[in-house]
Structure formats: C-alpha cells, structure tokens
Amino acid sequence: MILALKVKLLSGRYTDEEWEGVIEIDSRSSLDVLHYAIQRAVDFDNDHLYEFYSARTERSGNRISYNDESCDLCKKTIGSLFPLPERHSLYYLFDYGDHWVFKITRKRGAELEPDSDLVYPRLASEIGKKPVQYGIAEE
C-alpha cells in the first residue's frame, strides 16, 4: 500500500517561511528511504547526520529514537510505525547544527493502491516556499 504522509517544516536555521508537502511512499519503505524522499522534496544536500523520533512534542526529551546507533533507519518500515503511541507524532531531525525539524503525520484515509505510472516515493503536493538549506551566500 502507498501511504500519504504530510511533512511540515517546523524549524531550521534559515527558516523564514512555512513549507509543507505530501509524500506518497510505499508502506514497506524504510525510514532511510523516507529521509531521501524528504531531502529531494526540499532540495537539500544529503551531507549531515539525521534521525527520526516519536515524541509528544518536537522538543520532548522523552522520545523513541530511530537512528544509526539503533540500526533502525534501514530496518524500520514506515508502515510499522503507524499508529504511533497515543499523543505522539513522528519527527525528522536533519543536521544537528542547523537543526532542521519536520513533523510527519499520516493523512487519514490515505492508503492508496500503487499507480503503475508513478514512481514512489514522490512529492505529490506542496504548499509554501521550500527552505534554503544554507541561507543566502555571503560575498
């Protein structure tokens, strides 16, 4: 099944406008595949560490982390994460220095049959302005 995930930018060093997109992805895809899909959606360079975590808020210290240390990025599937624990959301943190944080929610009733004419994962829609990873280059 294909899941539609809403990915909303919450914060980042050069965040100046809102952005969110809907990524359609196979439920059997790993978190690592979702990472690359988000990177492509916002046109970031894949040049920093990252993690996914489940928590009540983006800043909650009490969280379930999925990262390289736990080897979950390549093993944990998107479909196995949902439903999340009660009152928890899924977050994607990219670049510990610039601290780009995205909230990921599953759209209700958004399990789709794969369309053979489409390549997944894919950015199905977006609103707002894409963030600029490194801001405006200074001369």
C-alpha atoms as a PDB file:
ATOM      1  CA  MET A   1       0.000   0.000   0.000  1.00  0.00           C
ATOM      2  CA  ILE A   2       1.019   3.569  -0.599  1.00  0.00           C
ATOM      3  CA  LEU A   3       0.788   5.941   2.357  1.00  0.00           C
ATOM      4  CA  ALA A   4       0.356   9.697   2.037  1.00  0.00           C
ATOM      5  CA  LEU A   5       2.464  11.485   4.641  1.00  0.00           C
ATOM      6  CA  LYS A   6       2.211  15.184   5.383  1.00  0.00           C
ATOM      7  CA  VAL A   7       5.697  16.581   6.059  1.00  0.00           C
ATOM      8  CA  LYS A   8       5.664  20.021   7.672  1.00  0.00           C
ATOM      9  CA  LEU A   9       8.748  22.148   8.330  1.00  0.00           C
ATOM     10  CA  LEU A  10       8.750  23.263  11.979  1.00  0.00           C
ATOM     11  CA  SER A  11      12.171  24.847  12.385  1.00  0.00           C
ATOM     12  CA  GLY A  12      15.632  25.261  10.955  1.00  0.00           C
ATOM     13  CA  ARG A  13      18.456  27.757  10.979  1.00  0.00           C
ATOM     14  CA  TYR A  14      17.344  29.593   7.831  1.00  0.00           C
ATOM     15  CA  THR A  15      13.596  29.071   8.158  1.00  0.00           C
ATOM     16  CA  ASP A  16      11.796  32.197   7.070  1.00  0.00           C
ATOM     17  CA  GLU A  17       8.597  30.868   5.522  1.00  0.00           C
ATOM     18  CA  GLU A  18       6.257  27.938   6.006  1.00  0.00           C
ATOM     19  CA  TRP A  19       6.531  24.826   3.862  1.00  0.00           C
ATOM     20  CA  GLU A  20       4.749  21.504   3.850  1.00  0.00           C
ATOM     21  CA  GLY A  21       4.422  18.710   1.369  1.00  0.00           C
ATOM     22  CA  VAL A  22       2.658  15.408   0.907  1.00  0.00           C
ATOM     23  CA  ILE A  23       4.945  12.496   0.151  1.00  0.00           C
ATOM     24  CA  GLU A  24       3.437   9.292  -1.180  1.00  0.00           C
ATOM     25  CA  ILE A  25       5.554   6.308  -0.174  1.00  0.00           C
ATOM     26  CA  ASP A  26       5.254   2.531  -0.061  1.00  0.00           C
ATOM     27  CA  SER A  27       4.396   1.424   3.482  1.00  0.00           C
ATOM     28  CA  ARG A  28       7.194  -1.182   3.260  1.00  0.00           C
ATOM     29  CA  SER A  29       9.831   1.521   2.708  1.00  0.00           C
ATOM     30  CA  SER A  30      12.411   2.113   5.406  1.00  0.00           C
ATOM     31  CA  LEU A  31      12.971   5.322   7.321  1.00  0.00           C
ATOM     32  CA  ASP A  32      16.146   5.723   5.283  1.00  0.00           C
ATOM     33  CA  VAL A  33      14.052   5.850   2.089  1.00  0.00           C
ATOM     34  CA  LEU A  34      11.782   8.467   3.705  1.00  0.00           C
ATOM     35  CA  HIS A  35      14.889  10.502   4.612  1.00  0.00           C
ATOM     36  CA  TYR A  36      15.961  10.610   0.950  1.00  0.00           C
ATOM     37  CA  ALA A  37      12.413  11.471  -0.155  1.00  0.00           C
ATOM     38  CA  ILE A  38      12.319  14.456   2.220  1.00  0.00           C
ATOM     39  CA  GLN A  39      15.792  15.545   1.081  1.00  0.00           C
ATOM     40  CA  ARG A  40      14.615  15.547  -2.546  1.00  0.00           C
ATOM     41  CA  ALA A  41      11.352  17.307  -1.656  1.00  0.00           C
ATOM     42  CA  VAL A  42      13.151  20.287  -0.081  1.00  0.00           C
ATOM     43  CA  ASP A  43      16.220  20.219  -2.381  1.00  0.00           C
ATOM     44  CA  PHE A  44      18.719  19.720   0.453  1.00  0.00           C
ATOM     45  CA  ASP A  45      22.171  18.216   0.078  1.00  0.00           C
ATOM     46  CA  ASN A  46      22.393  14.931   1.943  1.00  0.00           C
ATOM     47  CA  ASP A  47      25.508  15.965   3.848  1.00  0.00           C
ATOM     48  CA  HIS A  48      24.621  15.760   7.552  1.00  0.00           C
ATOM     49  CA  LEU A  49      23.511  13.241  10.170  1.00  0.00           C
ATOM     50  CA  TYR A  50      19.816  12.761  10.827  1.00  0.00           C
ATOM     51  CA  GLU A  51      17.330  10.828  12.896  1.00  0.00           C
ATOM     52  CA  PHE A  52      13.634  10.180  13.218  1.00  0.00           C
ATOM     53  CA  TYR A  53      11.909  10.171  16.566  1.00  0.00           C
ATOM     54  CA  SER A  54       8.478   9.738  18.056  1.00  0.00           C
ATOM     55  CA  ALA A  55       7.508  12.101  20.870  1.00  0.00           C
ATOM     56  CA  ARG A  56       4.666  14.238  22.204  1.00  0.00           C
ATOM     57  CA  THR A  57       6.345  17.445  21.025  1.00  0.00           C
ATOM     58  CA  GLU A  58       9.320  18.288  18.842  1.00  0.00           C
ATOM     59  CA  ARG A  59      11.337  19.275  21.927  1.00  0.00           C
ATOM     60  CA  SER A  60      10.303  16.441  24.216  1.00  0.00           C
ATOM     61  CA  GLY A  61      13.206  14.695  25.917  1.00  0.00           C
ATOM     62  CA  ASN A  62      11.111  11.563  26.345  1.00  0.00           C
ATOM     63  CA  ARG A  63      11.281  10.125  22.848  1.00  0.00           C
ATOM     64  CA  ILE A  64      11.699   6.954  20.869  1.00  0.00           C
ATOM     65  CA  SER A  65      14.660   7.487  18.537  1.00  0.00           C
ATOM     66  CA  TYR A  66      15.345   5.794  15.232  1.00  0.00           C
ATOM     67  CA  ASN A  67      18.949   6.431  14.191  1.00  0.00           C
ATOM     68  CA  ASP A  68      22.196   4.862  13.029  1.00  0.00           C
ATOM     69  CA  GLU A  69      23.115   3.788  16.564  1.00  0.00           C
ATOM     70  CA  SER A  70      19.974   1.695  16.876  1.00  0.00           C
ATOM     71  CA  CYS A  71      20.270   0.456  13.246  1.00  0.00           C
ATOM     72  CA  ASP A  72      16.612   1.336  12.726  1.00  0.00           C
ATOM     73  CA  LEU A  73      16.975   3.621   9.713  1.00  0.00           C
ATOM     74  CA  CYS A  74      17.313   0.780   7.228  1.00  0.00           C
ATOM     75  CA  LYS A  75      15.224  -1.800   9.110  1.00  0.00           C
ATOM     76  CA  LYS A  76      12.192   0.095  10.438  1.00  0.00           C
ATOM     77  CA  THR A  77       9.392   0.417   7.880  1.00  0.00           C
ATOM     78  CA  ILE A  78       7.025   3.354   7.597  1.00  0.00           C
ATOM     79  CA  GLY A  79       4.007   1.063   7.907  1.00  0.00           C
ATOM     80  CA  SER A  80       5.292  -0.470  11.157  1.00  0.00           C
ATOM     81  CA  LEU A  81       5.415   2.936  12.871  1.00  0.00           C
ATOM     82  CA  PHE A  82       1.726   3.716  12.496  1.00  0.00           C
ATOM     83  CA  PRO A  83      -0.303   4.005  14.559  1.00  0.00           C
ATOM     84  CA  LEU A  84       2.131   5.891  16.788  1.00  0.00           C
ATOM     85  CA  PRO A  85       1.858   5.758  20.577  1.00  0.00           C
ATOM     86  CA  GLU A  86      -1.016   7.844  21.943  1.00  0.00           C
ATOM     87  CA  ARG A  87      -0.464  11.617  21.586  1.00  0.00           C
ATOM     88  CA  HIS A  88       2.869  11.070  19.839  1.00  0.00           C
ATOM     89  CA  SER A  89       3.979  12.448  16.491  1.00  0.00           C
ATOM     90  CA  LEU A  90       6.820  11.419  14.210  1.00  0.00           C
ATOM     91  CA  TYR A  91       9.640  13.933  13.687  1.00  0.00           C
ATOM     92  CA  TYR A  92      12.587  14.078  11.314  1.00  0.00           C
ATOM     93  CA  LEU A  93      15.669  15.939  12.517  1.00  0.00           C
ATOM     94  CA  PHE A  94      18.311  16.721   9.914  1.00  0.00           C
ATOM     95  CA  ASP A  95      21.652  18.425  10.613  1.00  0.00           C
ATOM     96  CA  TYR A  96      22.235  18.704  14.348  1.00  0.00           C
ATOM     97  CA  GLY A  97      23.921  22.093  13.888  1.00  0.00           C
ATOM     98  CA  ASP A  98      21.260  23.875  11.821  1.00  0.00           C
ATOM     99  CA  HIS A  99      18.536  21.763  13.463  1.00  0.00           C
ATOM    100  CA  TRP A 100      16.026  21.265  10.659  1.00  0.00           C
ATOM    101  CA  VAL A 101      12.914  19.671  12.193  1.00  0.00           C
ATOM    102  CA  PHE A 102       9.964  18.328  10.224  1.00  0.00           C
ATOM    103  CA  LYS A 103       6.747  16.881  11.661  1.00  0.00           C
ATOM    104  CA  ILE A 104       5.406  13.854   9.790  1.00  0.00           C
ATOM    105  CA  THR A 105       1.776  12.828  10.014  1.00  0.00           C
ATOM    106  CA  ARG A 106      -0.154  10.186   8.169  1.00  0.00           C
ATOM    107  CA  LYS A 107      -3.084  11.599   6.253  1.00  0.00           C
ATOM    108  CA  ARG A 108      -6.358   9.992   7.296  1.00  0.00           C
ATOM    109  CA  GLY A 109      -7.801   7.508   4.847  1.00  0.00           C
ATOM    110  CA  ALA A 110      -4.786   7.930   2.621  1.00  0.00           C
ATOM    111  CA  GLU A 111      -3.874   4.326   1.881  1.00  0.00           C
ATOM    112  CA  LEU A 112      -3.673   4.091  -1.877  1.00  0.00           C
ATOM    113  CA  GLU A 113      -3.161   1.340  -4.367  1.00  0.00           C
ATOM    114  CA  PRO A 114       0.119   1.886  -6.224  1.00  0.00           C
ATOM    115  CA  ASP A 115      -0.249   3.568  -9.623  1.00  0.00           C
ATOM    116  CA  SER A 116       1.977   1.776 -12.143  1.00  0.00           C
ATOM    117  CA  ASP A 117       2.524   5.077 -13.997  1.00  0.00           C
ATOM    118  CA  LEU A 118       4.120   6.716 -10.935  1.00  0.00           C
ATOM    119  CA  VAL A 119       7.476   6.249  -9.213  1.00  0.00           C
ATOM    120  CA  TYR A 120       7.430   6.136  -5.406  1.00  0.00           C
ATOM    121  CA  PRO A 121       8.316   7.782  -3.145  1.00  0.00           C
ATOM    122  CA  ARG A 122       7.131  11.006  -4.710  1.00  0.00           C
ATOM    123  CA  LEU A 123       6.232  14.526  -3.697  1.00  0.00           C
ATOM    124  CA  ALA A 124       2.518  14.587  -4.516  1.00  0.00           C
ATOM    125  CA  SER A 125       1.850  18.202  -3.491  1.00  0.00           C
ATOM    126  CA  GLU A 126       3.381  21.086  -1.607  1.00  0.00           C
ATOM    127  CA  ILE A 127       2.454  24.489  -0.289  1.00  0.00           C
ATOM    128  CA  GLY A 128       4.652  27.339   0.809  1.00  0.00           C
ATOM    129  CA  LYS A 129       8.232  28.129  -0.070  1.00  0.00           C
ATOM    130  CA  LYS A 130      10.952  25.484   0.090  1.00  0.00           C
ATOM    131  CA  PRO A 131      13.561  26.252   2.748  1.00  0.00           C
ATOM    132  CA  VAL A 132      17.083  27.174   1.666  1.00  0.00           C
ATOM    133  CA  GLN A 133      19.499  24.807   3.379  1.00  0.00           C
ATOM    134  CA  TYR A 134      22.425  27.181   3.766  1.00  0.00           C
ATOM    135  CA  GLY A 135      20.709  30.553   3.543  1.00  0.00           C
ATOM    136  CA  ILE A 136      21.918  33.312   1.257  1.00  0.00           C
ATOM    137  CA  ALA A 137      25.596  33.037   0.444  1.00  0.00           C
ATOM    138  CA  GLU A 138      27.581  35.970   1.774  1.00  0.00           C
ATOM    139  CA  GLU A 139      30.078  37.623  -0.530  1.00  0.00           C
END
